Amino acid sequence: MPPFEVLINENRLSLYRVAIGILKNEEDADDAIQQTIINTYYGMKNLIKDEYFKTWLIKILINECNKIRSCKSKLIPMEEVRNTSEVYEDSYLDNEVLTVVKSLAEDMRVVILLYYYEDFSIKTISKILNIAEGTVKSRLSRSREKLDELLKEGSIVNE
């Protein structure tokens, strides 16, 4: 297995896309990624097969994102202040389809991100999210229909 730093760098963009897709906030995504890296480093001894590293890493990230969302739901949001020079820039952010994907409900958005942007199989997504494969398939189907509808309308729905 390559050194830990190499593994994290290879999966850096995947971590960012999944975190920002779930949390929709740069600072929270950064926090989730940082905590994921720490948990992954200390939990490496629990990884059974090296080829499942990315799946395991993304599952840890999703759990961290869910923890952050849970904590945030208990807070009253303050006005967000962000220095745009610190924002991570990536060309995929300009993609109209991704903008529409971000407008989907979370359950639909996560399966789309994992399936199309991270190339995980339905079986792997099922394991990551702890849901049945049939549920993954139905969410993908509903998501595709909704995306098709939104793209045909030419409107982007903001949550």
N, C-alpha and C. Protein backbone atom coordinates (compact mmCIF):
# COMPACT_ATOMS: atom_id res chain seq x y z
N MET A 1 0.86 -1.18 0.00
CA MET A 1 0.00 0.00 0.00
C MET A 1 0.90 1.23 0.00
N PRO A 2 0.54 2.24 -0.82
CA PRO A 2 1.33 3.49 -0.86
C PRO A 2 1.27 4.20 0.49
N PRO A 3 2.17 5.14 0.71
CA PRO A 3 2.15 5.92 1.97
C PRO A 3 0.80 6.64 2.14
N PHE A 4 0.44 6.86 3.38
CA PHE A 4 -0.83 7.48 3.72
C PHE A 4 -1.03 8.81 2.99
N GLU A 5 -0.01 9.64 2.97
CA GLU A 5 -0.10 10.96 2.33
C GLU A 5 -0.45 10.82 0.86
N VAL A 6 0.12 9.85 0.18
CA VAL A 6 -0.16 9.62 -1.25
C VAL A 6 -1.61 9.20 -1.43
N LEU A 7 -2.09 8.32 -0.58
CA LEU A 7 -3.49 7.86 -0.67
C LEU A 7 -4.46 9.03 -0.49
N ILE A 8 -4.18 9.88 0.47
CA ILE A 8 -5.06 11.04 0.72
C ILE A 8 -5.01 11.99 -0.48
N ASN A 9 -3.82 12.27 -1.01
CA ASN A 9 -3.71 13.16 -2.16
C ASN A 9 -4.42 12.60 -3.39
N GLU A 10 -4.39 11.29 -3.57
CA GLU A 10 -5.08 10.67 -4.70
C GLU A 10 -6.60 10.82 -4.59
N ASN A 11 -7.09 10.92 -3.38
CA ASN A 11 -8.53 11.00 -3.14
C ASN A 11 -9.01 12.37 -2.71
N ARG A 12 -8.13 13.36 -2.78
CA ARG A 12 -8.44 14.72 -2.31
C ARG A 12 -9.68 15.31 -3.00
N LEU A 13 -9.74 15.21 -4.32
CA LEU A 13 -10.87 15.79 -5.04
C LEU A 13 -12.17 15.06 -4.73
N SER A 14 -12.10 13.75 -4.61
CA SER A 14 -13.28 12.97 -4.25
C SER A 14 -13.80 13.38 -2.88
N LEU A 15 -12.89 13.53 -1.94
CA LEU A 15 -13.28 13.97 -0.60
C LEU A 15 -13.99 15.32 -0.67
N TYR A 16 -13.41 16.23 -1.40
CA TYR A 16 -13.98 17.58 -1.50
C TYR A 16 -15.38 17.53 -2.14
N ARG A 17 -15.49 16.82 -3.27
CA ARG A 17 -16.78 16.79 -3.97
C ARG A 17 -17.88 16.20 -3.10
N VAL A 18 -17.59 15.11 -2.42
CA VAL A 18 -18.61 14.49 -1.57
C VAL A 18 -18.95 15.41 -0.39
N ALA A 19 -17.95 15.96 0.26
CA ALA A 19 -18.20 16.82 1.42
C ALA A 19 -18.99 18.07 1.04
N ILE A 20 -18.60 18.72 -0.03
CA ILE A 20 -19.32 19.94 -0.43
C ILE A 20 -20.71 19.61 -0.94
N GLY A 21 -20.85 18.44 -1.54
CA GLY A 21 -22.16 18.00 -2.02
C GLY A 21 -23.14 17.75 -0.89
N ILE A 22 -22.63 17.28 0.23
CA ILE A 22 -23.50 17.01 1.38
C ILE A 22 -23.70 18.27 2.22
N LEU A 23 -22.61 18.96 2.52
CA LEU A 23 -22.68 20.07 3.48
C LEU A 23 -22.97 21.43 2.84
N LYS A 24 -22.62 21.61 1.57
CA LYS A 24 -22.88 22.86 0.84
C LYS A 24 -22.25 24.08 1.51
N ASN A 25 -21.12 23.87 2.18
CA ASN A 25 -20.48 24.96 2.89
C ASN A 25 -18.99 24.63 2.96
N GLU A 26 -18.16 25.56 2.48
CA GLU A 26 -16.71 25.34 2.41
C GLU A 26 -16.09 25.02 3.77
N GLU A 27 -16.44 25.79 4.78
CA GLU A 27 -15.83 25.60 6.09
C GLU A 27 -16.20 24.26 6.69
N ASP A 28 -17.48 23.89 6.59
CA ASP A 28 -17.92 22.61 7.11
C ASP A 28 -17.29 21.46 6.33
N ALA A 29 -17.19 21.61 5.02
CA ALA A 29 -16.56 20.58 4.20
C ALA A 29 -15.10 20.40 4.60
N ASP A 30 -14.41 21.51 4.82
CA ASP A 30 -13.01 21.44 5.26
C ASP A 30 -12.89 20.72 6.61
N ASP A 31 -13.80 21.03 7.53
CA ASP A 31 -13.79 20.38 8.83
C ASP A 31 -14.02 18.88 8.70
N ALA A 32 -14.99 18.50 7.88
CA ALA A 32 -15.31 17.08 7.69
C ALA A 32 -14.13 16.34 7.07
N ILE A 33 -13.48 16.96 6.09
CA ILE A 33 -12.33 16.33 5.43
C ILE A 33 -11.18 16.18 6.43
N GLN A 34 -10.92 17.22 7.20
CA GLN A 34 -9.84 17.17 8.18
C GLN A 34 -10.08 16.05 9.20
N GLN A 35 -11.29 15.98 9.72
CA GLN A 35 -11.59 14.94 10.71
C GLN A 35 -11.55 13.55 10.08
N THR A 36 -11.96 13.45 8.83
CA THR A 36 -11.90 12.18 8.11
C THR A 36 -10.46 11.70 7.97
N ILE A 37 -9.58 12.60 7.62
CA ILE A 37 -8.16 12.24 7.47
C ILE A 37 -7.59 11.76 8.80
N ILE A 38 -7.92 12.45 9.88
CA ILE A 38 -7.44 12.04 11.21
C ILE A 38 -7.98 10.66 11.57
N ASN A 39 -9.29 10.47 11.41
CA ASN A 39 -9.91 9.18 11.75
C ASN A 39 -9.36 8.06 10.88
N THR A 40 -9.13 8.36 9.61
CA THR A 40 -8.59 7.35 8.70
C THR A 40 -7.18 6.97 9.11
N TYR A 41 -6.37 7.95 9.43
CA TYR A 41 -4.99 7.68 9.82
C TYR A 41 -4.94 6.75 11.04
N TYR A 42 -5.72 7.08 12.05
CA TYR A 42 -5.70 6.27 13.27
C TYR A 42 -6.44 4.94 13.11
N GLY A 43 -7.29 4.85 12.10
CA GLY A 43 -8.05 3.61 11.90
C GLY A 43 -7.50 2.70 10.82
N MET A 44 -6.34 3.03 10.26
CA MET A 44 -5.77 2.24 9.16
C MET A 44 -5.62 0.76 9.53
N LYS A 45 -5.37 0.47 10.78
CA LYS A 45 -5.20 -0.93 11.19
C LYS A 45 -6.49 -1.73 11.03
N ASN A 46 -7.63 -1.04 10.94
CA ASN A 46 -8.93 -1.70 10.79
C ASN A 46 -9.28 -2.00 9.34
N LEU A 47 -8.52 -1.46 8.39
CA LEU A 47 -8.80 -1.69 6.97
C LEU A 47 -8.40 -3.11 6.62
N ILE A 48 -9.36 -3.90 6.18
CA ILE A 48 -9.11 -5.31 5.92
C ILE A 48 -8.41 -5.53 4.58
N LYS A 49 -8.91 -4.89 3.53
CA LYS A 49 -8.31 -5.05 2.20
C LYS A 49 -7.94 -3.68 1.65
N ASP A 50 -6.71 -3.57 1.18
CA ASP A 50 -6.20 -2.30 0.66
C ASP A 50 -7.04 -1.74 -0.48
N GLU A 51 -7.61 -2.62 -1.31
CA GLU A 51 -8.36 -2.14 -2.48
C GLU A 51 -9.68 -1.44 -2.10
N TYR A 52 -10.09 -1.57 -0.84
CA TYR A 52 -11.31 -0.90 -0.40
C TYR A 52 -11.02 0.42 0.31
N PHE A 53 -9.80 0.93 0.19
CA PHE A 53 -9.43 2.16 0.89
C PHE A 53 -10.36 3.32 0.55
N LYS A 54 -10.61 3.56 -0.74
CA LYS A 54 -11.43 4.70 -1.13
C LYS A 54 -12.86 4.56 -0.61
N THR A 55 -13.42 3.37 -0.71
CA THR A 55 -14.77 3.14 -0.21
C THR A 55 -14.83 3.42 1.29
N TRP A 56 -13.85 2.91 2.01
CA TRP A 56 -13.77 3.09 3.46
C TRP A 56 -13.61 4.57 3.79
N LEU A 57 -12.74 5.26 3.07
CA LEU A 57 -12.48 6.68 3.27
C LEU A 57 -13.76 7.51 3.07
N ILE A 58 -14.49 7.23 1.98
CA ILE A 58 -15.72 7.97 1.69
C ILE A 58 -16.78 7.69 2.74
N LYS A 59 -16.84 6.46 3.22
CA LYS A 59 -17.82 6.13 4.26
C LYS A 59 -17.52 6.92 5.54
N ILE A 60 -16.25 7.01 5.90
CA ILE A 60 -15.86 7.80 7.07
C ILE A 60 -16.24 9.27 6.85
N LEU A 61 -15.99 9.78 5.64
CA LEU A 61 -16.33 11.17 5.32
C LEU A 61 -17.83 11.42 5.45
N ILE A 62 -18.63 10.54 4.90
CA ILE A 62 -20.09 10.71 4.99
C ILE A 62 -20.54 10.72 6.44
N ASN A 63 -19.96 9.85 7.26
CA ASN A 63 -20.30 9.85 8.69
C ASN A 63 -19.92 11.18 9.33
N GLU A 64 -18.76 11.72 8.98
CA GLU A 64 -18.33 13.02 9.53
C GLU A 64 -19.27 14.13 9.07
N CYS A 65 -19.65 14.11 7.80
CA CYS A 65 -20.58 15.12 7.28
C CYS A 65 -21.91 15.05 8.03
N ASN A 66 -22.38 13.85 8.27
CA ASN A 66 -23.64 13.69 9.00
C ASN A 66 -23.54 14.20 10.43
N LYS A 67 -22.38 13.99 11.07
CA LYS A 67 -22.17 14.53 12.43
C LYS A 67 -22.23 16.05 12.42
N ILE A 68 -21.57 16.65 11.44
CA ILE A 68 -21.55 18.12 11.35
C ILE A 68 -22.94 18.65 11.08
N ARG A 69 -23.68 18.03 10.16
CA ARG A 69 -25.04 18.46 9.87
C ARG A 69 -25.93 18.34 11.11
N SER A 70 -25.74 17.26 11.85
CA SER A 70 -26.53 17.06 13.05
C SER A 70 -26.26 18.17 14.07
N CYS A 71 -24.99 18.51 14.26
CA CYS A 71 -24.64 19.60 15.18
C CYS A 71 -25.17 20.93 14.68
N LYS A 72 -25.06 21.16 13.38
CA LYS A 72 -25.51 22.44 12.80
C LYS A 72 -27.02 22.61 12.92
N SER A 73 -27.75 21.50 12.85
CA SER A 73 -29.21 21.61 12.90
C SER A 73 -29.69 22.10 14.27
N LYS A 74 -28.82 22.02 15.26
CA LYS A 74 -29.16 22.47 16.60
C LYS A 74 -28.80 23.93 16.83
N LEU A 75 -28.13 24.54 15.85
CA LEU A 75 -27.69 25.92 15.98
C LEU A 75 -28.57 26.85 15.16
N ILE A 76 -28.60 28.10 15.58
CA ILE A 76 -29.26 29.13 14.79
C ILE A 76 -28.20 29.72 13.89
N PRO A 77 -28.36 29.61 12.55
CA PRO A 77 -27.31 30.07 11.65
C PRO A 77 -27.10 31.58 11.71
N MET A 78 -25.85 31.99 11.69
CA MET A 78 -25.49 33.40 11.63
C MET A 78 -25.16 33.72 10.18
N GLU A 79 -25.07 34.98 9.87
CA GLU A 79 -24.72 35.38 8.52
C GLU A 79 -23.33 34.86 8.18
N GLU A 80 -23.23 34.21 7.03
CA GLU A 80 -21.95 33.63 6.64
C GLU A 80 -21.04 34.70 6.04
N VAL A 81 -19.79 34.68 6.47
CA VAL A 81 -18.79 35.58 5.93
C VAL A 81 -17.67 34.70 5.39
N ARG A 82 -17.34 34.90 4.12
CA ARG A 82 -16.33 34.05 3.52
C ARG A 82 -15.42 34.89 2.63
N ASN A 83 -14.13 34.66 2.78
CA ASN A 83 -13.14 35.31 1.93
C ASN A 83 -13.02 34.48 0.65
N THR A 84 -13.44 35.03 -0.48
CA THR A 84 -13.48 34.26 -1.73
C THR A 84 -12.10 33.86 -2.21
N SER A 85 -11.04 34.53 -1.75
CA SER A 85 -9.70 34.13 -2.18
C SER A 85 -9.27 32.81 -1.55
N GLU A 86 -9.96 32.38 -0.47
CA GLU A 86 -9.62 31.13 0.19
C GLU A 86 -10.42 29.95 -0.35
N VAL A 87 -11.36 30.17 -1.23
CA VAL A 87 -12.23 29.11 -1.74
C VAL A 87 -11.47 28.24 -2.73
N TYR A 88 -11.57 26.94 -2.56
CA TYR A 88 -10.95 25.98 -3.46
C TYR A 88 -11.66 26.05 -4.81
N GLU A 89 -10.92 26.28 -5.86
CA GLU A 89 -11.50 26.40 -7.19
C GLU A 89 -11.27 25.12 -7.98
N ASP A 90 -12.29 24.69 -8.67
CA ASP A 90 -12.18 23.51 -9.52
C ASP A 90 -13.15 23.70 -10.68
N SER A 91 -12.75 23.29 -11.85
CA SER A 91 -13.56 23.55 -13.03
C SER A 91 -14.90 22.84 -12.99
N TYR A 92 -15.02 21.74 -12.25
CA TYR A 92 -16.29 21.04 -12.21
C TYR A 92 -17.38 21.87 -11.52
N LEU A 93 -16.97 22.85 -10.71
CA LEU A 93 -17.95 23.68 -10.01
C LEU A 93 -18.76 24.54 -10.96
N ASP A 94 -18.21 24.82 -12.15
CA ASP A 94 -18.91 25.67 -13.11
C ASP A 94 -19.92 24.89 -13.95
N ASN A 95 -19.96 23.62 -13.78
CA ASN A 95 -20.81 22.76 -14.58
C ASN A 95 -22.28 22.97 -14.20
N GLU A 96 -23.11 23.28 -15.22
CA GLU A 96 -24.53 23.53 -14.97
C GLU A 96 -25.21 22.29 -14.39
N VAL A 97 -24.83 21.12 -14.87
CA VAL A 97 -25.44 19.89 -14.37
C VAL A 97 -25.15 19.73 -12.88
N LEU A 98 -23.91 19.99 -12.48
CA LEU A 98 -23.57 19.86 -11.06
C LEU A 98 -24.35 20.87 -10.23
N THR A 99 -24.57 22.03 -10.77
CA THR A 99 -25.36 23.04 -10.07
C THR A 99 -26.77 22.52 -9.83
N VAL A 100 -27.33 21.86 -10.83
CA VAL A 100 -28.67 21.28 -10.67
C VAL A 100 -28.62 20.10 -9.70
N VAL A 101 -27.57 19.30 -9.77
CA VAL A 101 -27.41 18.17 -8.84
C VAL A 101 -27.42 18.69 -7.41
N LYS A 102 -26.72 19.80 -7.16
CA LYS A 102 -26.66 20.37 -5.82
C LYS A 102 -28.03 20.82 -5.32
N SER A 103 -28.96 21.05 -6.22
CA SER A 103 -30.29 21.49 -5.82
C SER A 103 -31.20 20.33 -5.42
N LEU A 104 -30.77 19.11 -5.69
CA LEU A 104 -31.58 17.94 -5.35
C LEU A 104 -31.63 17.73 -3.84
N ALA A 105 -32.62 16.98 -3.42
CA ALA A 105 -32.71 16.59 -2.01
C ALA A 105 -31.46 15.77 -1.67
N GLU A 106 -31.06 15.77 -0.43
CA GLU A 106 -29.79 15.14 -0.04
C GLU A 106 -29.70 13.67 -0.43
N ASP A 107 -30.75 12.89 -0.18
CA ASP A 107 -30.67 11.46 -0.48
C ASP A 107 -30.42 11.22 -1.97
N MET A 108 -31.02 12.04 -2.82
CA MET A 108 -30.82 11.91 -4.26
C MET A 108 -29.44 12.47 -4.66
N ARG A 109 -29.05 13.58 -4.07
CA ARG A 109 -27.78 14.23 -4.40
C ARG A 109 -26.59 13.32 -4.08
N VAL A 110 -26.63 12.67 -2.93
CA VAL A 110 -25.50 11.83 -2.50
C VAL A 110 -25.32 10.65 -3.44
N VAL A 111 -26.41 9.97 -3.82
CA VAL A 111 -26.23 8.81 -4.72
C VAL A 111 -25.74 9.25 -6.08
N ILE A 112 -26.18 10.39 -6.58
CA ILE A 112 -25.70 10.90 -7.87
C ILE A 112 -24.21 11.21 -7.78
N LEU A 113 -23.80 11.89 -6.72
CA LEU A 113 -22.38 12.22 -6.55
C LEU A 113 -21.52 10.97 -6.47
N LEU A 114 -21.96 10.00 -5.68
CA LEU A 114 -21.16 8.79 -5.52
C LEU A 114 -21.15 7.95 -6.81
N TYR A 115 -22.25 7.89 -7.51
CA TYR A 115 -22.34 7.04 -8.70
C TYR A 115 -21.65 7.68 -9.92
N TYR A 116 -22.00 8.92 -10.22
CA TYR A 116 -21.49 9.55 -11.44
C TYR A 116 -20.17 10.29 -11.26
N TYR A 117 -19.98 10.94 -10.13
CA TYR A 117 -18.77 11.73 -9.95
C TYR A 117 -17.63 10.93 -9.32
N GLU A 118 -17.97 9.94 -8.51
CA GLU A 118 -16.94 9.14 -7.85
C GLU A 118 -16.83 7.72 -8.41
N ASP A 119 -17.70 7.37 -9.34
CA ASP A 119 -17.67 6.08 -10.03
C ASP A 119 -17.77 4.87 -9.11
N PHE A 120 -18.55 4.99 -8.05
CA PHE A 120 -18.79 3.84 -7.19
C PHE A 120 -19.92 3.01 -7.79
N SER A 121 -19.84 1.70 -7.60
CA SER A 121 -20.90 0.80 -8.08
C SER A 121 -22.11 0.92 -7.15
N ILE A 122 -23.23 0.43 -7.62
CA ILE A 122 -24.45 0.43 -6.81
C ILE A 122 -24.22 -0.37 -5.53
N LYS A 123 -23.54 -1.50 -5.66
CA LYS A 123 -23.25 -2.34 -4.50
C LYS A 123 -22.39 -1.59 -3.47
N THR A 124 -21.39 -0.87 -3.94
CA THR A 124 -20.51 -0.12 -3.05
C THR A 124 -21.26 1.03 -2.39
N ILE A 125 -22.08 1.73 -3.16
CA ILE A 125 -22.89 2.83 -2.59
C ILE A 125 -23.81 2.28 -1.51
N SER A 126 -24.38 1.12 -1.77
CA SER A 126 -25.26 0.47 -0.80
C SER A 126 -24.52 0.24 0.51
N LYS A 127 -23.27 -0.21 0.43
CA LYS A 127 -22.48 -0.45 1.64
C LYS A 127 -22.10 0.85 2.33
N ILE A 128 -21.71 1.85 1.54
CA ILE A 128 -21.30 3.14 2.12
C ILE A 128 -22.45 3.78 2.89
N LEU A 129 -23.65 3.76 2.30
CA LEU A 129 -24.80 4.44 2.90
C LEU A 129 -25.64 3.54 3.81
N ASN A 130 -25.26 2.25 3.88
CA ASN A 130 -26.02 1.28 4.69
C ASN A 130 -27.48 1.21 4.29
N ILE A 131 -27.72 1.14 2.98
CA ILE A 131 -29.08 0.98 2.45
C ILE A 131 -29.06 -0.16 1.44
N ALA A 132 -30.22 -0.68 1.11
CA ALA A 132 -30.33 -1.79 0.16
C ALA A 132 -29.95 -1.33 -1.25
N GLU A 133 -29.44 -2.27 -2.05
CA GLU A 133 -29.09 -1.94 -3.44
C GLU A 133 -30.31 -1.45 -4.21
N GLY A 134 -31.47 -2.03 -3.94
CA GLY A 134 -32.70 -1.58 -4.59
C GLY A 134 -33.03 -0.14 -4.27
N THR A 135 -32.72 0.27 -3.06
CA THR A 135 -32.94 1.66 -2.66
C THR A 135 -32.01 2.59 -3.42
N VAL A 136 -30.77 2.16 -3.59
CA VAL A 136 -29.81 2.96 -4.37
C VAL A 136 -30.33 3.11 -5.79
N LYS A 137 -30.77 2.01 -6.38
CA LYS A 137 -31.27 2.03 -7.77
C LYS A 137 -32.49 2.95 -7.90
N SER A 138 -33.41 2.87 -6.94
CA SER A 138 -34.60 3.72 -7.04
C SER A 138 -34.25 5.19 -6.84
N ARG A 139 -33.30 5.48 -5.94
CA ARG A 139 -32.88 6.88 -5.76
C ARG A 139 -32.18 7.41 -7.01
N LEU A 140 -31.36 6.56 -7.64
CA LEU A 140 -30.72 6.97 -8.89
C LEU A 140 -31.77 7.25 -9.95
N SER A 141 -32.76 6.39 -10.05
CA SER A 141 -33.81 6.56 -11.05
C SER A 141 -34.60 7.85 -10.81
N ARG A 142 -35.00 8.06 -9.54
CA ARG A 142 -35.75 9.29 -9.22
C ARG A 142 -34.89 10.53 -9.46
N SER A 143 -33.61 10.42 -9.13
CA SER A 143 -32.69 11.54 -9.32
C SER A 143 -32.53 11.88 -10.80
N ARG A 144 -32.40 10.85 -11.62
CA ARG A 144 -32.26 11.08 -13.07
C ARG A 144 -33.50 11.76 -13.63
N GLU A 145 -34.68 11.30 -13.19
CA GLU A 145 -35.93 11.91 -13.65
C GLU A 145 -36.00 13.37 -13.23
N LYS A 146 -35.65 13.64 -11.99
CA LYS A 146 -35.70 15.01 -11.48
C LYS A 146 -34.68 15.90 -12.20
N LEU A 147 -33.48 15.37 -12.43
CA LEU A 147 -32.46 16.13 -13.16
C LEU A 147 -32.93 16.44 -14.57
N ASP A 148 -33.51 15.44 -15.22
CA ASP A 148 -34.01 15.63 -16.58
C ASP A 148 -35.07 16.73 -16.60
N GLU A 149 -35.98 16.67 -15.64
CA GLU A 149 -37.04 17.67 -15.52
C GLU A 149 -36.46 19.08 -15.31
N LEU A 150 -35.51 19.19 -14.37
CA LEU A 150 -34.92 20.50 -14.06
C LEU A 150 -34.10 21.05 -15.23
N LEU A 151 -33.38 20.18 -15.90
CA LEU A 151 -32.56 20.63 -17.03
C LEU A 151 -33.43 21.04 -18.22
N LYS A 152 -34.54 20.34 -18.43
CA LYS A 152 -35.46 20.71 -19.52
C LYS A 152 -36.14 22.04 -19.23
N GLU A 153 -36.45 22.27 -17.95
CA GLU A 153 -37.06 23.54 -17.56
C GLU A 153 -36.07 24.68 -17.68
N GLY A 154 -34.79 24.33 -17.53
CA GLY A 154 -33.77 25.36 -17.57
C GLY A 154 -33.71 26.16 -16.30
N SER A 155 -34.37 25.64 -15.27
CA SER A 155 -34.36 26.35 -13.99
C SER A 155 -33.55 25.54 -12.99
N ILE A 156 -32.95 26.26 -12.09
CA ILE A 156 -32.16 25.65 -11.03
C ILE A 156 -32.84 26.00 -9.72
N VAL A 157 -33.24 24.97 -9.00
CA VAL A 157 -33.95 25.16 -7.74
C VAL A 157 -32.93 25.23 -6.61
N ASN A 158 -33.02 26.28 -5.82
CA ASN A 158 -32.15 26.41 -4.65
C ASN A 158 -32.91 25.96 -3.42
N GLU A 159 -32.20 25.23 -2.56
CA GLU A 159 -32.82 24.78 -1.31
C GLU A 159 -32.77 25.86 -0.28
